[in-house]
C-alpha atoms as a PDB file:
ATOM      1  CA  UNK A   1     104.765  44.683 -22.393  1.00  0.00           C
ATOM      2  CA  UNK A   2     107.374  47.800 -20.880  1.00  0.00           C
ATOM      3  CA  UNK A   3     110.445  48.149 -19.544  1.00  0.00           C
ATOM      4  CA  UNK A   4     111.977  50.129 -16.696  1.00  0.00           C
ATOM      5  CA  UNK A   5     114.734  51.481 -15.330  1.00  0.00           C
ATOM      6  CA  UNK A   6     116.479  50.063 -11.902  1.00  0.00           C
ATOM      7  CA  UNK A   7     116.446  52.669  -9.707  1.00  0.00           C
ATOM      8  CA  UNK A   8     118.253  53.197  -6.361  1.00  0.00           C
ATOM      9  CA  UNK A   9     117.364  50.903  -4.241  1.00  0.00           C
ATOM     10  CA  UNK A  10     115.368  48.499  -6.878  1.00  0.00           C
ATOM     11  CA  UNK A  11     115.955  44.802  -6.381  1.00  0.00           C
ATOM     12  CA  UNK A  12     117.500  42.860  -9.118  1.00  0.00           C
ATOM     13  CA  UNK A  13     119.942  39.990  -9.026  1.00  0.00           C
ATOM     14  CA  UNK A  14     123.970  39.387  -9.022  1.00  0.00           C
ATOM     15  CA  UNK A  15     125.451  36.404  -9.750  1.00  0.00           C
ATOM     16  CA  UNK A  16     127.277  34.622  -6.738  1.00  0.00           C
ATOM     17  CA  UNK A  17     128.348  31.507  -7.338  1.00  0.00           C
ATOM     18  CA  UNK A  18     127.585  28.023  -7.584  1.00  0.00           C
ATOM     19  CA  UNK A  19     126.890  24.556  -6.088  1.00  0.00           C
ATOM     20  CA  UNK A  20     126.464  20.857  -8.195  1.00  0.00           C
ATOM     21  CA  UNK A  21     129.038  18.820  -9.805  1.00  0.00           C
ATOM     22  CA  UNK A  22     128.241  15.939 -12.237  1.00  0.00           C
ATOM     23  CA  UNK A  23     128.238  12.630 -10.091  1.00  0.00           C
ATOM     24  CA  UNK A  24     125.499   9.192 -10.548  1.00  0.00           C
ATOM     25  CA  UNK A  25     125.916   8.389  -6.606  1.00  0.00           C
ATOM     26  CA  UNK A  26     126.783  10.672  -3.540  1.00  0.00           C
ATOM     27  CA  UNK A  27     127.635  14.874  -3.259  1.00  0.00           C
ATOM     28  CA  UNK A  28     126.553  15.618  -6.668  1.00  0.00           C
ATOM     29  CA  UNK A  29     123.700  16.327  -9.260  1.00  0.00           C
ATOM     30  CA  UNK A  30     122.670  13.892 -11.950  1.00  0.00           C
ATOM     31  CA  UNK A  31     120.474  15.521 -14.263  1.00  0.00           C
ATOM     32  CA  UNK A  32     118.824  17.756 -10.897  1.00  0.00           C
ATOM     33  CA  UNK A  33     114.826  19.267 -12.510  1.00  0.00           C
ATOM     34  CA  UNK A  34     114.206  21.112  -9.207  1.00  0.00           C
ATOM     35  CA  UNK A  35     115.614  22.377  -5.646  1.00  0.00           C
ATOM     36  CA  UNK A  36     113.359  22.928  -2.884  1.00  0.00           C
ATOM     37  CA  UNK A  37     114.681  25.182  -0.675  1.00  0.00           C
ATOM     38  CA  UNK A  38     114.207  23.904   2.893  1.00  0.00           C
ATOM     39  CA  UNK A  39     112.381  26.056   6.380  1.00  0.00           C
ATOM     40  CA  UNK A  40     115.672  24.327   7.787  1.00  0.00           C
ATOM     41  CA  UNK A  41     117.671  26.095   4.837  1.00  0.00           C
ATOM     42  CA  UNK A  42     118.631  22.296   2.980  1.00  0.00           C
ATOM     43  CA  UNK A  43     118.878  22.881  -0.526  1.00  0.00           C
ATOM     44  CA  UNK A  44     116.353  19.026  -2.265  1.00  0.00           C
ATOM     45  CA  UNK A  45     117.950  18.733  -5.547  1.00  0.00           C
ATOM     46  CA  UNK A  46     115.557  15.718  -7.316  1.00  0.00           C
ATOM     47  CA  UNK A  47     117.748  14.156  -9.742  1.00  0.00           C
ATOM     48  CA  UNK A  48     115.571  12.460 -13.095  1.00  0.00           C
ATOM     49  CA  UNK A  49     119.022  10.870 -14.353  1.00  0.00           C
ATOM     50  CA  UNK A  50     118.550   9.583 -17.788  1.00  0.00           C
ATOM     51  CA  UNK A  51     114.767   7.097 -18.636  1.00  0.00           C
ATOM     52  CA  UNK A  52     115.705   4.350 -18.406  1.00  0.00           C
ATOM     53  CA  UNK A  53     119.423   4.232 -15.893  1.00  0.00           C
ATOM     54  CA  UNK A  54     118.751   3.391 -12.753  1.00  0.00           C
ATOM     55  CA  UNK A  55     121.922   4.583 -11.462  1.00  0.00           C
ATOM     56  CA  UNK A  56     121.636   8.722 -10.381  1.00  0.00           C
ATOM     57  CA  UNK A  57     118.051   9.602  -9.641  1.00  0.00           C
ATOM     58  CA  UNK A  58     117.992  10.807  -5.796  1.00  0.00           C
ATOM     59  CA  UNK A  59     117.571  13.793  -3.745  1.00  0.00           C
ATOM     60  CA  UNK A  60     120.617  15.677  -2.509  1.00  0.00           C
ATOM     61  CA  UNK A  61     120.833  17.759   0.075  1.00  0.00           C
ATOM     62  CA  UNK A  62     123.101  19.960   0.478  1.00  0.00           C
ATOM     63  CA  UNK A  63     123.098  24.060   1.774  1.00  0.00           C
ATOM     64  CA  UNK A  64     123.565  27.232  -0.493  1.00  0.00           C
ATOM     65  CA  UNK A  65     127.286  26.719   1.224  1.00  0.00           C
ATOM     66  CA  UNK A  66     128.106  23.772  -0.947  1.00  0.00           C
ATOM     67  CA  UNK A  67     127.626  21.756   2.434  1.00  0.00           C
ATOM     68  CA  UNK A  68     126.264  17.812   1.769  1.00  0.00           C
ATOM     69  CA  UNK A  69     124.786  15.861   3.849  1.00  0.00           C
ATOM     70  CA  UNK A  70     123.447  13.008   1.869  1.00  0.00           C
ATOM     71  CA  UNK A  71     120.592  11.477  -0.527  1.00  0.00           C
ATOM     72  CA  UNK A  72     117.511  10.657   0.258  1.00  0.00           C
ATOM     73  CA  UNK A  73     114.914   7.450  -2.529  1.00  0.00           C
ATOM     74  CA  UNK A  74     116.012   5.818  -5.459  1.00  0.00           C
ATOM     75  CA  UNK A  75     115.010   4.448  -9.030  1.00  0.00           C
ATOM     76  CA  UNK A  76     112.262   1.817  -8.040  1.00  0.00           C
ATOM     77  CA  UNK A  77     108.637   1.899  -7.928  1.00  0.00           C
ATOM     78  CA  UNK A  78     108.619   0.739  -3.856  1.00  0.00           C
ATOM     79  CA  UNK A  79     107.845   3.887  -1.270  1.00  0.00           C
ATOM     80  CA  UNK A  80     110.608   6.434  -1.441  1.00  0.00           C
ATOM     81  CA  UNK A  81     111.305   5.899  -5.262  1.00  0.00           C
ATOM     82  CA  UNK A  82     111.550   7.195  -7.753  1.00  0.00           C
ATOM     83  CA  UNK A  83     111.350   6.781 -11.879  1.00  0.00           C
ATOM     84  CA  UNK A  84     110.848  10.409 -13.109  1.00  0.00           C
ATOM     85  CA  UNK A  85     111.167  12.583 -10.579  1.00  0.00           C
ATOM     86  CA  UNK A  86     109.571  15.572 -11.659  1.00  0.00           C
ATOM     87  CA  UNK A  87     109.249  18.667  -8.875  1.00  0.00           C
ATOM     88  CA  UNK A  88     110.262  19.318  -4.767  1.00  0.00           C
ATOM     89  CA  UNK A  89     108.997  21.308  -2.613  1.00  0.00           C
ATOM     90  CA  UNK A  90     109.028  21.286   0.850  1.00  0.00           C
ATOM     91  CA  UNK A  91     105.948  23.292   3.327  1.00  0.00           C
ATOM     92  CA  UNK A  92     107.042  24.915   7.038  1.00  0.00           C
ATOM     93  CA  UNK A  93     106.145  22.200   8.432  1.00  0.00           C
ATOM     94  CA  UNK A  94     109.748  20.432   6.780  1.00  0.00           C
ATOM     95  CA  UNK A  95     107.732  18.488   5.112  1.00  0.00           C
ATOM     96  CA  UNK A  96     109.748  16.859   1.316  1.00  0.00           C
ATOM     97  CA  UNK A  97     107.551  16.588  -1.463  1.00  0.00           C
ATOM     98  CA  UNK A  98     108.403  14.721  -4.354  1.00  0.00           C
ATOM     99  CA  UNK A  99     106.458  14.540  -7.661  1.00  0.00           C
ATOM    100  CA  UNK A 100     106.916  11.646 -10.809  1.00  0.00           C
ATOM    101  CA  UNK A 101     105.791  11.429 -13.901  1.00  0.00           C
ATOM    102  CA  UNK A 102     105.926   8.038 -14.020  1.00  0.00           C
ATOM    103  CA  UNK A 103     103.553   6.513 -11.358  1.00  0.00           C
ATOM    104  CA  UNK A 104     101.758   9.852 -11.339  1.00  0.00           C
ATOM    105  CA  UNK A 105     101.972   9.772  -7.355  1.00  0.00           C
ATOM    106  CA  UNK A 106     103.439  13.158  -4.898  1.00  0.00           C
ATOM    107  CA  UNK A 107     106.068  11.426  -2.324  1.00  0.00           C
ATOM    108  CA  UNK A 108     106.354  12.767   1.351  1.00  0.00           C
ATOM    109  CA  UNK A 109     110.003  12.994   3.180  1.00  0.00           C
ATOM    110  CA  UNK A 110     110.709  14.642   5.993  1.00  0.00           C
ATOM    111  CA  UNK A 111     113.470  16.939   6.040  1.00  0.00           C
ATOM    112  CA  UNK A 112     115.660  14.249   6.367  1.00  0.00           C
ATOM    113  CA  UNK A 113     115.037  12.565   3.768  1.00  0.00           C
ATOM    114  CA  UNK A 114     112.802   9.485   5.861  1.00  0.00           C
ATOM    115  CA  UNK A 115     110.156   8.428   4.045  1.00  0.00           C
ATOM    116  CA  UNK A 116     106.419   9.045   5.680  1.00  0.00           C
ATOM    117  CA  UNK A 117     103.815   8.630   2.817  1.00  0.00           C
ATOM    118  CA  UNK A 118     102.775   9.341  -0.680  1.00  0.00           C
ATOM    119  CA  UNK A 119      99.576   9.749  -2.513  1.00  0.00           C
ATOM    120  CA  UNK A 120      97.928   9.551  -6.465  1.00  0.00           C
ATOM    121  CA  UNK A 121      96.807   7.883  -8.895  1.00  0.00           C
ATOM    122  CA  UNK A 122      96.687   8.461 -12.982  1.00  0.00           C
ATOM    123  CA  UNK A 123      93.675   9.354 -14.084  1.00  0.00           C
ATOM    124  CA  UNK A 124      92.002  13.125 -15.425  1.00  0.00           C
ATOM    125  CA  UNK A 125      89.053  12.477 -12.187  1.00  0.00           C
ATOM    126  CA  UNK A 126      89.291  14.971  -9.141  1.00  0.00           C
ATOM    127  CA  UNK A 127      92.125  14.363  -7.613  1.00  0.00           C
ATOM    128  CA  UNK A 128      94.104  11.813 -10.277  1.00  0.00           C
ATOM    129  CA  UNK A 129      97.409  13.140 -12.130  1.00  0.00           C
ATOM    130  CA  UNK A 130      99.022  12.729 -14.559  1.00  0.00           C
ATOM    131  CA  UNK A 131     102.455  13.265 -15.085  1.00  0.00           C
ATOM    132  CA  UNK A 132     102.859  15.871 -12.256  1.00  0.00           C
ATOM    133  CA  UNK A 133     105.090  18.554 -12.947  1.00  0.00           C
ATOM    134  CA  UNK A 134     104.353  21.579 -10.724  1.00  0.00           C
ATOM    135  CA  UNK A 135     104.236  21.374  -7.128  1.00  0.00           C
ATOM    136  CA  UNK A 136     103.926  24.455  -4.213  1.00  0.00           C
ATOM    137  CA  UNK A 137     102.557  24.564  -1.108  1.00  0.00           C
ATOM    138  CA  UNK A 138     100.072  27.506  -0.058  1.00  0.00           C
ATOM    139  CA  UNK A 139     100.455  29.471   3.552  1.00  0.00           C
ATOM    140  CA  UNK A 140      98.046  27.141   5.048  1.00  0.00           C
ATOM    141  CA  UNK A 141      99.816  23.714   4.287  1.00  0.00           C
ATOM    142  CA  UNK A 142      98.541  22.442   1.538  1.00  0.00           C
ATOM    143  CA  UNK A 143      99.740  21.709  -2.077  1.00  0.00           C
ATOM    144  CA  UNK A 144      98.911  23.093  -5.483  1.00  0.00           C
ATOM    145  CA  UNK A 145     100.159  20.594  -8.309  1.00  0.00           C
ATOM    146  CA  UNK A 146     100.580  21.489 -11.932  1.00  0.00           C
ATOM    147  CA  UNK A 147      98.638  17.911 -13.763  1.00  0.00           C
ATOM    148  CA  UNK A 148     100.312  18.559 -16.814  1.00  0.00           C
ATOM    149  CA  UNK A 149      98.697  16.740 -19.176  1.00  0.00           C
ATOM    150  CA  UNK A 150      95.183  17.210 -17.704  1.00  0.00           C
ATOM    151  CA  UNK A 151      96.303  20.841 -18.806  1.00  0.00           C
ATOM    152  CA  UNK A 152      94.272  21.730 -14.362  1.00  0.00           C
ATOM    153  CA  UNK A 153      95.909  22.806 -10.786  1.00  0.00           C
ATOM    154  CA  UNK A 154      94.941  20.633  -8.185  1.00  0.00           C
ATOM    155  CA  UNK A 155      95.145  22.179  -4.549  1.00  0.00           C
ATOM    156  CA  UNK A 156      95.445  18.744  -2.295  1.00  0.00           C
ATOM    157  CA  UNK A 157      95.835  18.794   0.658  1.00  0.00           C
ATOM    158  CA  UNK A 158      99.448  17.515   3.181  1.00  0.00           C
ATOM    159  CA  UNK A 159      98.764  13.405   3.276  1.00  0.00           C
ATOM    160  CA  UNK A 160      97.158  13.739  -0.208  1.00  0.00           C
ATOM    161  CA  UNK A 161      92.914  14.696  -0.396  1.00  0.00           C
ATOM    162  CA  UNK A 162      91.800  16.483  -3.331  1.00  0.00           C
ATOM    163  CA  UNK A 163      90.558  20.154  -2.362  1.00  0.00           C
ATOM    164  CA  UNK A 164      89.498  22.116  -5.286  1.00  0.00           C
ATOM    165  CA  UNK A 165      90.551  22.118  -9.364  1.00  0.00           C
ATOM    166  CA  UNK A 166      91.037  24.768 -12.142  1.00  0.00           C
ATOM    167  CA  UNK A 167      91.905  25.495 -15.040  1.00  0.00           C
ATOM    168  CA  UNK A 168      91.387  23.422 -18.250  1.00  0.00           C
ATOM    169  CA  UNK A 169      92.608  22.391 -21.935  1.00  0.00           C
ATOM    170  CA  UNK A 170      92.872  25.911 -23.979  1.00  0.00           C
ATOM    171  CA  UNK A 171      94.497  29.055 -25.005  1.00  0.00           C
ATOM    172  CA  UNK A 172      92.198  32.132 -22.976  1.00  0.00           C
ATOM    173  CA  UNK A 173      92.329  33.834 -19.883  1.00  0.00           C
ATOM    174  CA  UNK A 174      93.079  31.219 -17.138  1.00  0.00           C
ATOM    175  CA  UNK A 175      93.190  27.343 -20.021  1.00  0.00           C
ATOM    176  CA  UNK A 176      96.162  25.731 -19.442  1.00  0.00           C
ATOM    177  CA  UNK A 177      98.326  23.844 -22.098  1.00  0.00           C
ATOM    178  CA  UNK A 178     100.484  21.476 -20.351  1.00  0.00           C
ATOM    179  CA  UNK A 179     101.703  23.852 -16.953  1.00  0.00           C
ATOM    180  CA  UNK A 180     104.676  23.660 -15.643  1.00  0.00           C
ATOM    181  CA  UNK A 181     105.827  25.046 -12.492  1.00  0.00           C
ATOM    182  CA  UNK A 182     103.983  27.173 -10.882  1.00  0.00           C
ATOM    183  CA  UNK A 183     104.292  29.102  -7.278  1.00  0.00           C
ATOM    184  CA  UNK A 184     102.413  30.541  -4.782  1.00  0.00           C
ATOM    185  CA  UNK A 185     103.270  34.237  -3.403  1.00  0.00           C
ATOM    186  CA  UNK A 186     102.232  35.995   0.330  1.00  0.00           C
ATOM    187  CA  UNK A 187      98.959  36.903  -0.541  1.00  0.00           C
ATOM    188  CA  UNK A 188      98.048  33.074  -1.086  1.00  0.00           C
ATOM    189  CA  UNK A 189      97.410  34.082  -5.193  1.00  0.00           C
ATOM    190  CA  UNK A 190      99.131  31.014  -7.710  1.00  0.00           C
ATOM    191  CA  UNK A 191     101.531  31.501 -10.345  1.00  0.00           C
ATOM    192  CA  UNK A 192     101.055  29.360 -12.889  1.00  0.00           C
ATOM    193  CA  UNK A 193     104.054  28.487 -16.207  1.00  0.00           C
ATOM    194  CA  UNK A 194     102.125  28.112 -18.912  1.00  0.00           C
ATOM    195  CA  UNK A 195     104.672  25.837 -20.599  1.00  0.00           C
ATOM    196  CA  UNK A 196     103.256  24.962 -24.322  1.00  0.00           C
ATOM    197  CA  UNK A 197     100.833  28.867 -24.472  1.00  0.00           C
ATOM    198  CA  UNK A 198     104.387  31.012 -23.926  1.00  0.00           C
ATOM    199  CA  UNK A 199     103.485  32.416 -20.761  1.00  0.00           C
ATOM    200  CA  UNK A 200     103.141  33.575 -17.317  1.00  0.00           C
ATOM    201  CA  UNK A 201      99.326  33.333 -15.532  1.00  0.00           C
ATOM    202  CA  UNK A 202      98.495  34.685 -12.177  1.00  0.00           C
ATOM    203  CA  UNK A 203      95.111  32.923 -10.312  1.00  0.00           C
ATOM    204  CA  UNK A 204      93.374  34.616  -6.960  1.00  0.00           C
ATOM    205  CA  UNK A 205      94.072  31.251  -4.606  1.00  0.00           C
ATOM    206  CA  UNK A 206      90.077  30.252  -5.858  1.00  0.00           C
ATOM    207  CA  UNK A 207      91.599  29.617  -9.279  1.00  0.00           C
ATOM    208  CA  UNK A 208      89.790  32.676 -10.424  1.00  0.00           C
ATOM    209  CA  UNK A 209      92.169  33.924 -13.568  1.00  0.00           C
ATOM    210  CA  UNK A 210      93.674  37.214 -12.864  1.00  0.00           C
ATOM    211  CA  UNK A 211      96.914  38.406 -15.716  1.00  0.00           C
ATOM    212  CA  UNK A 212      98.576  36.938 -17.852  1.00  0.00           C
ATOM    213  CA  UNK A 213     101.848  38.270 -18.662  1.00  0.00           C
ATOM    214  CA  UNK A 214     104.472  37.118 -21.674  1.00  0.00           C
ATOM    215  CA  UNK A 215     103.556  36.314 -24.691  1.00  0.00           C
ATOM    216  CA  UNK A 216     105.692  33.796 -27.220  1.00  0.00           C
ATOM    217  CA  UNK A 217     109.086  34.764 -28.611  1.00  0.00           C
ATOM    218  CA  UNK A 218     112.494  35.597 -27.747  1.00  0.00           C
ATOM    219  CA  UNK A 219     112.548  39.293 -26.906  1.00  0.00           C
ATOM    220  CA  UNK A 220     112.548  41.073 -23.247  1.00  0.00           C
ATOM    221  CA  UNK A 221     109.382  39.545 -21.757  1.00  0.00           C
ATOM    222  CA  UNK A 222     109.038  37.125 -24.109  1.00  0.00           C
ATOM    223  CA  UNK A 223     108.693  33.315 -24.111  1.00  0.00           C
ATOM    224  CA  UNK A 224     109.218  30.556 -25.187  1.00  0.00           C
ATOM    225  CA  UNK A 225     108.107  26.734 -23.110  1.00  0.00           C
ATOM    226  CA  UNK A 226     108.792  28.527 -19.270  1.00  0.00           C
ATOM    227  CA  UNK A 227     109.594  25.609 -17.387  1.00  0.00           C
ATOM    228  CA  UNK A 228     109.009  27.536 -13.578  1.00  0.00           C
ATOM    229  CA  UNK A 229     108.302  30.652 -11.866  1.00  0.00           C
ATOM    230  CA  UNK A 230     108.748  32.527  -8.539  1.00  0.00           C
ATOM    231  CA  UNK A 231     107.378  36.042  -7.251  1.00  0.00           C
ATOM    232  CA  UNK A 232     108.733  37.518  -3.894  1.00  0.00           C
ATOM    233  CA  UNK A 233     107.247  39.401  -1.107  1.00  0.00           C
ATOM    234  CA  UNK A 234     107.343  42.912  -3.477  1.00  0.00           C
ATOM    235  CA  UNK A 235     105.730  41.452  -5.518  1.00  0.00           C
ATOM    236  CA  UNK A 236     108.432  40.484  -9.124  1.00  0.00           C
ATOM    237  CA  UNK A 237     108.585  37.443 -10.912  1.00  0.00           C
ATOM    238  CA  UNK A 238     111.067  35.375 -12.456  1.00  0.00           C
ATOM    239  CA  UNK A 239     111.019  32.852 -14.397  1.00  0.00           C
ATOM    240  CA  UNK A 240     113.592  30.438 -15.757  1.00  0.00           C
ATOM    241  CA  UNK A 241     112.101  30.501 -19.704  1.00  0.00           C
ATOM    242  CA  UNK A 242     113.057  27.503 -20.811  1.00  0.00           C
ATOM    243  CA  UNK A 243     113.225  27.621 -24.065  1.00  0.00           C
ATOM    244  CA  UNK A 244     115.330  31.219 -24.607  1.00  0.00           C
ATOM    245  CA  UNK A 245     118.028  29.402 -22.017  1.00  0.00           C
ATOM    246  CA  UNK A 246     117.046  32.601 -20.002  1.00  0.00           C
ATOM    247  CA  UNK A 247     115.977  33.932 -17.010  1.00  0.00           C
ATOM    248  CA  UNK A 248     113.944  36.757 -16.759  1.00  0.00           C
ATOM    249  CA  UNK A 249     112.675  39.324 -14.176  1.00  0.00           C
ATOM    250  CA  UNK A 250     109.482  41.349 -14.207  1.00  0.00           C
ATOM    251  CA  UNK A 251     107.738  43.365 -12.884  1.00  0.00           C
ATOM    252  CA  UNK A 252     103.872  42.603 -10.624  1.00  0.00           C
ATOM    253  CA  UNK A 253     102.253  43.715 -13.634  1.00  0.00           C
ATOM    254  CA  UNK A 254     105.192  42.623 -16.314  1.00  0.00           C
ATOM    255  CA  UNK A 255     107.168  44.765 -17.147  1.00  0.00           C
ATOM    256  CA  UNK A 256     110.710  43.765 -17.778  1.00  0.00           C
ATOM    257  CA  UNK A 257     113.486  43.884 -15.708  1.00  0.00           C
ATOM    258  CA  UNK A 258     116.057  42.253 -15.622  1.00  0.00           C
ATOM    259  CA  UNK A 259     117.405  39.265 -17.630  1.00  0.00           C
ATOM    260  CA  UNK A 260     119.952  37.064 -17.412  1.00  0.00           C
ATOM    261  CA  UNK A 261     121.742  33.988 -19.201  1.00  0.00           C
ATOM    262  CA  UNK A 262     124.130  32.545 -16.867  1.00  0.00           C
ATOM    263  CA  UNK A 263     126.894  33.934 -15.285  1.00  0.00           C
ATOM    264  CA  UNK A 264     128.933  29.986 -13.327  1.00  0.00           C
ATOM    265  CA  UNK A 265     131.808  29.706 -11.767  1.00  0.00           C
ATOM    266  CA  UNK A 266     133.240  26.265 -10.559  1.00  0.00           C
ATOM    267  CA  UNK A 267     130.907  25.121  -7.183  1.00  0.00           C
ATOM    268  CA  UNK A 268     133.815  23.948  -4.453  1.00  0.00           C
ATOM    269  CA  UNK A 269     132.614  20.966  -5.400  1.00  0.00           C
ATOM    270  CA  UNK A 270     133.854  20.489  -8.709  1.00  0.00           C
ATOM    271  CA  UNK A 271     137.117  22.421  -7.370  1.00  0.00           C
ATOM    272  CA  UNK A 272     138.183  19.654  -5.605  1.00  0.00           C
ATOM    273  CA  UNK A 273     137.609  17.492  -7.224  1.00  0.00           C
ATOM    274  CA  UNK A 274     139.915  19.452 -10.295  1.00  0.00           C
ATOM    275  CA  UNK A 275     142.494  19.751  -7.240  1.00  0.00           C
ATOM    276  CA  UNK A 276     142.173  16.199  -6.543  1.00  0.00           C
ATOM    277  CA  UNK A 277     141.931  14.497 -10.431  1.00  0.00           C
ATOM    278  CA  UNK A 278     145.456  16.438 -11.661  1.00  0.00           C
ATOM    279  CA  UNK A 279     145.051  15.480 -15.234  1.00  0.00           C
ATOM    280  CA  UNK A 280     141.463  17.528 -15.803  1.00  0.00           C
ATOM    281  CA  UNK A 281     142.233  20.416 -14.410  1.00  0.00           C
ATOM    282  CA  UNK A 282     145.186  20.734 -16.177  1.00  0.00           C
ATOM    283  CA  UNK A 283     143.629  19.624 -19.082  1.00  0.00           C
ATOM    284  CA  UNK A 284     140.702  22.875 -18.139  1.00  0.00           C
ATOM    285  CA  UNK A 285     143.298  24.894 -16.880  1.00  0.00           C
ATOM    286  CA  UNK A 286     144.361  25.702 -20.847  1.00  0.00           C
ATOM    287  CA  UNK A 287     140.970  25.227 -23.102  1.00  0.00           C
ATOM    288  CA  UNK A 288     138.842  28.224 -23.884  1.00  0.00           C
ATOM    289  CA  UNK A 289     135.885  28.519 -21.839  1.00  0.00           C
ATOM    290  CA  UNK A 290     134.751  30.755 -24.348  1.00  0.00           C
ATOM    291  CA  UNK A 291     135.710  30.161 -27.941  1.00  0.00           C
ATOM    292  CA  UNK A 292     134.312  32.431 -30.398  1.00  0.00           C
ATOM    293  CA  UNK A 293     132.069  30.093 -33.218  1.00  0.00           C
ATOM    294  CA  UNK A 294     130.223  30.646 -35.898  1.00  0.00           C
ATOM    295  CA  UNK A 295     126.550  28.990 -35.569  1.00  0.00           C
ATOM    296  CA  UNK A 296     125.192  27.690 -37.868  1.00  0.00           C
ATOM    297  CA  UNK A 297     121.435  28.256 -36.395  1.00  0.00           C
ATOM    298  CA  UNK A 298     120.689  30.969 -34.569  1.00  0.00           C
ATOM    299  CA  UNK A 299     119.206  29.585 -31.315  1.00  0.00           C
ATOM    300  CA  UNK A 300     120.168  30.126 -27.841  1.00  0.00           C
ATOM    301  CA  UNK A 301     120.105  26.351 -26.954  1.00  0.00           C
ATOM    302  CA  UNK A 302     123.112  26.241 -29.642  1.00  0.00           C
ATOM    303  CA  UNK A 303     125.318  28.776 -28.001  1.00  0.00           C
ATOM    304  CA  UNK A 304     124.206  27.522 -24.035  1.00  0.00           C
ATOM    305  CA  UNK A 305     125.551  23.692 -24.805  1.00  0.00           C
ATOM    306  CA  UNK A 306     128.684  25.598 -26.134  1.00  0.00           C
ATOM    307  CA  UNK A 307     130.312  27.914 -23.729  1.00  0.00           C
ATOM    308  CA  UNK A 308     129.738  26.721 -20.089  1.00  0.00           C
ATOM    309  CA  UNK A 309     128.877  29.799 -17.943  1.00  0.00           C
ATOM    310  CA  UNK A 310     125.457  30.168 -19.269  1.00  0.00           C
ATOM    311  CA  UNK A 311     122.696  28.146 -18.064  1.00  0.00           C
ATOM    312  CA  UNK A 312     121.772  25.162 -20.533  1.00  0.00           C
ATOM    313  CA  UNK A 313     118.424  23.619 -19.203  1.00  0.00           C
ATOM    314  CA  UNK A 314     117.060  26.315 -16.704  1.00  0.00           C
ATOM    315  CA  UNK A 315     114.151  24.074 -15.937  1.00  0.00           C
ATOM    316  CA  UNK A 316     113.383  24.854 -12.331  1.00  0.00           C
ATOM    317  CA  UNK A 317     113.203  28.301 -10.573  1.00  0.00           C
ATOM    318  CA  UNK A 318     113.659  29.732  -6.514  1.00  0.00           C
ATOM    319  CA  UNK A 319     113.851  31.285  -3.639  1.00  0.00           C
ATOM    320  CA  UNK A 320     114.846  31.892   0.310  1.00  0.00           C
ATOM    321  CA  UNK A 321     113.739  33.739   2.401  1.00  0.00           C
ATOM    322  CA  UNK A 322     116.595  36.045   2.567  1.00  0.00           C
ATOM    323  CA  UNK A 323     115.355  36.811  -1.925  1.00  0.00           C
ATOM    324  CA  UNK A 324     117.864  34.716  -3.038  1.00  0.00           C
ATOM    325  CA  UNK A 325     117.617  33.210  -6.503  1.00  0.00           C
ATOM    326  CA  UNK A 326     118.497  28.942  -7.959  1.00  0.00           C
ATOM    327  CA  UNK A 327     118.515  28.263 -10.922  1.00  0.00           C
ATOM    328  CA  UNK A 328     118.306  24.475 -11.392  1.00  0.00           C
ATOM    329  CA  UNK A 329     119.754  23.425 -14.439  1.00  0.00           C
ATOM    330  CA  UNK A 330     119.354  19.453 -15.651  1.00  0.00           C
ATOM    331  CA  UNK A 331     122.304  19.790 -18.510  1.00  0.00           C
ATOM    332  CA  UNK A 332     125.133  21.700 -16.572  1.00  0.00           C
ATOM    333  CA  UNK A 333     123.914  19.685 -12.610  1.00  0.00           C
ATOM    334  CA  UNK A 334     125.049  22.152 -11.241  1.00  0.00           C
ATOM    335  CA  UNK A 335     122.837  25.391  -9.826  1.00  0.00           C
ATOM    336  CA  UNK A 336     123.724  29.018 -10.344  1.00  0.00           C
ATOM    337  CA  UNK A 337     122.341  31.536  -7.089  1.00  0.00           C
ATOM    338  CA  UNK A 338     122.077  34.478  -7.553  1.00  0.00           C
ATOM    339  CA  UNK A 339     121.960  37.191  -5.093  1.00  0.00           C
ATOM    340  CA  UNK A 340     119.546  40.785  -4.684  1.00  0.00           C
ATOM    341  CA  UNK A 341     120.975  43.270  -5.892  1.00  0.00           C
ATOM    342  CA  UNK A 342     122.228  46.643  -4.359  1.00  0.00           C
END
């Protein structure tokens, strides 16, 4: 794995701001699992809550500036409800898709959160799903689904009609072991976060294997349980390296470009909360937010769990048309946003 130098004109990232706050209802997030960037500029954030906890399950609507537009969905198995919402995406027609790992279904909403339809059936046959954990629309209005426990990717029409699939269980080229996040680039090529194989795989639109990037480890260009992937118009590959508590950026050939560990500041929502709740605000102002700690275990998780600004469980990574990168952190109930640098 090569490392390239950033040169003048290269689009690398700089921290911009954070959006989010820990709440079980209303304005805020509660163990978010994914963020969709809508054509209308809205962000749709799927909140999973804790297993067995009814409150907190919903989709929060906001935007990059922290404007809040309400929520939709709730805990349950009726139309428009979820048990374990796992992935969220939006297409160019304004439809929002949310997958549910528990019911093995995909629910479809309009841009305001109005339920339209749902599709999917538990099983291992063509068109059936087992724990769908990733969603990505293509350029023709179809939707790719990471069919995680079936170790494959399936392609459906917007209304759930099965079109094709690719992948099988294994660790060879084109084989998958619990695929998670995925994305489609401008050429229609599909990139898959091959979670248990610690790599990113690239496929043609018909499912032919084109390339693999990464290997197990903690070094540059190495991954430990990657959860999400995004690709920009210049071919740069962005990976939420979930098990290493970081984000990595690769060039189109897999060369390491930049690594991010997180630089979060207070969101406007959190700052407003602390201004109103004076005692909590005062306590925070006196706290040491970057303590010197002798860790007993040399693991990124240990550092992330103690240092607030760092990524902690970066489960999802998405790009908007302006090149802004959204990193959804499940354990800190927020999104860190990075903008292209000079």
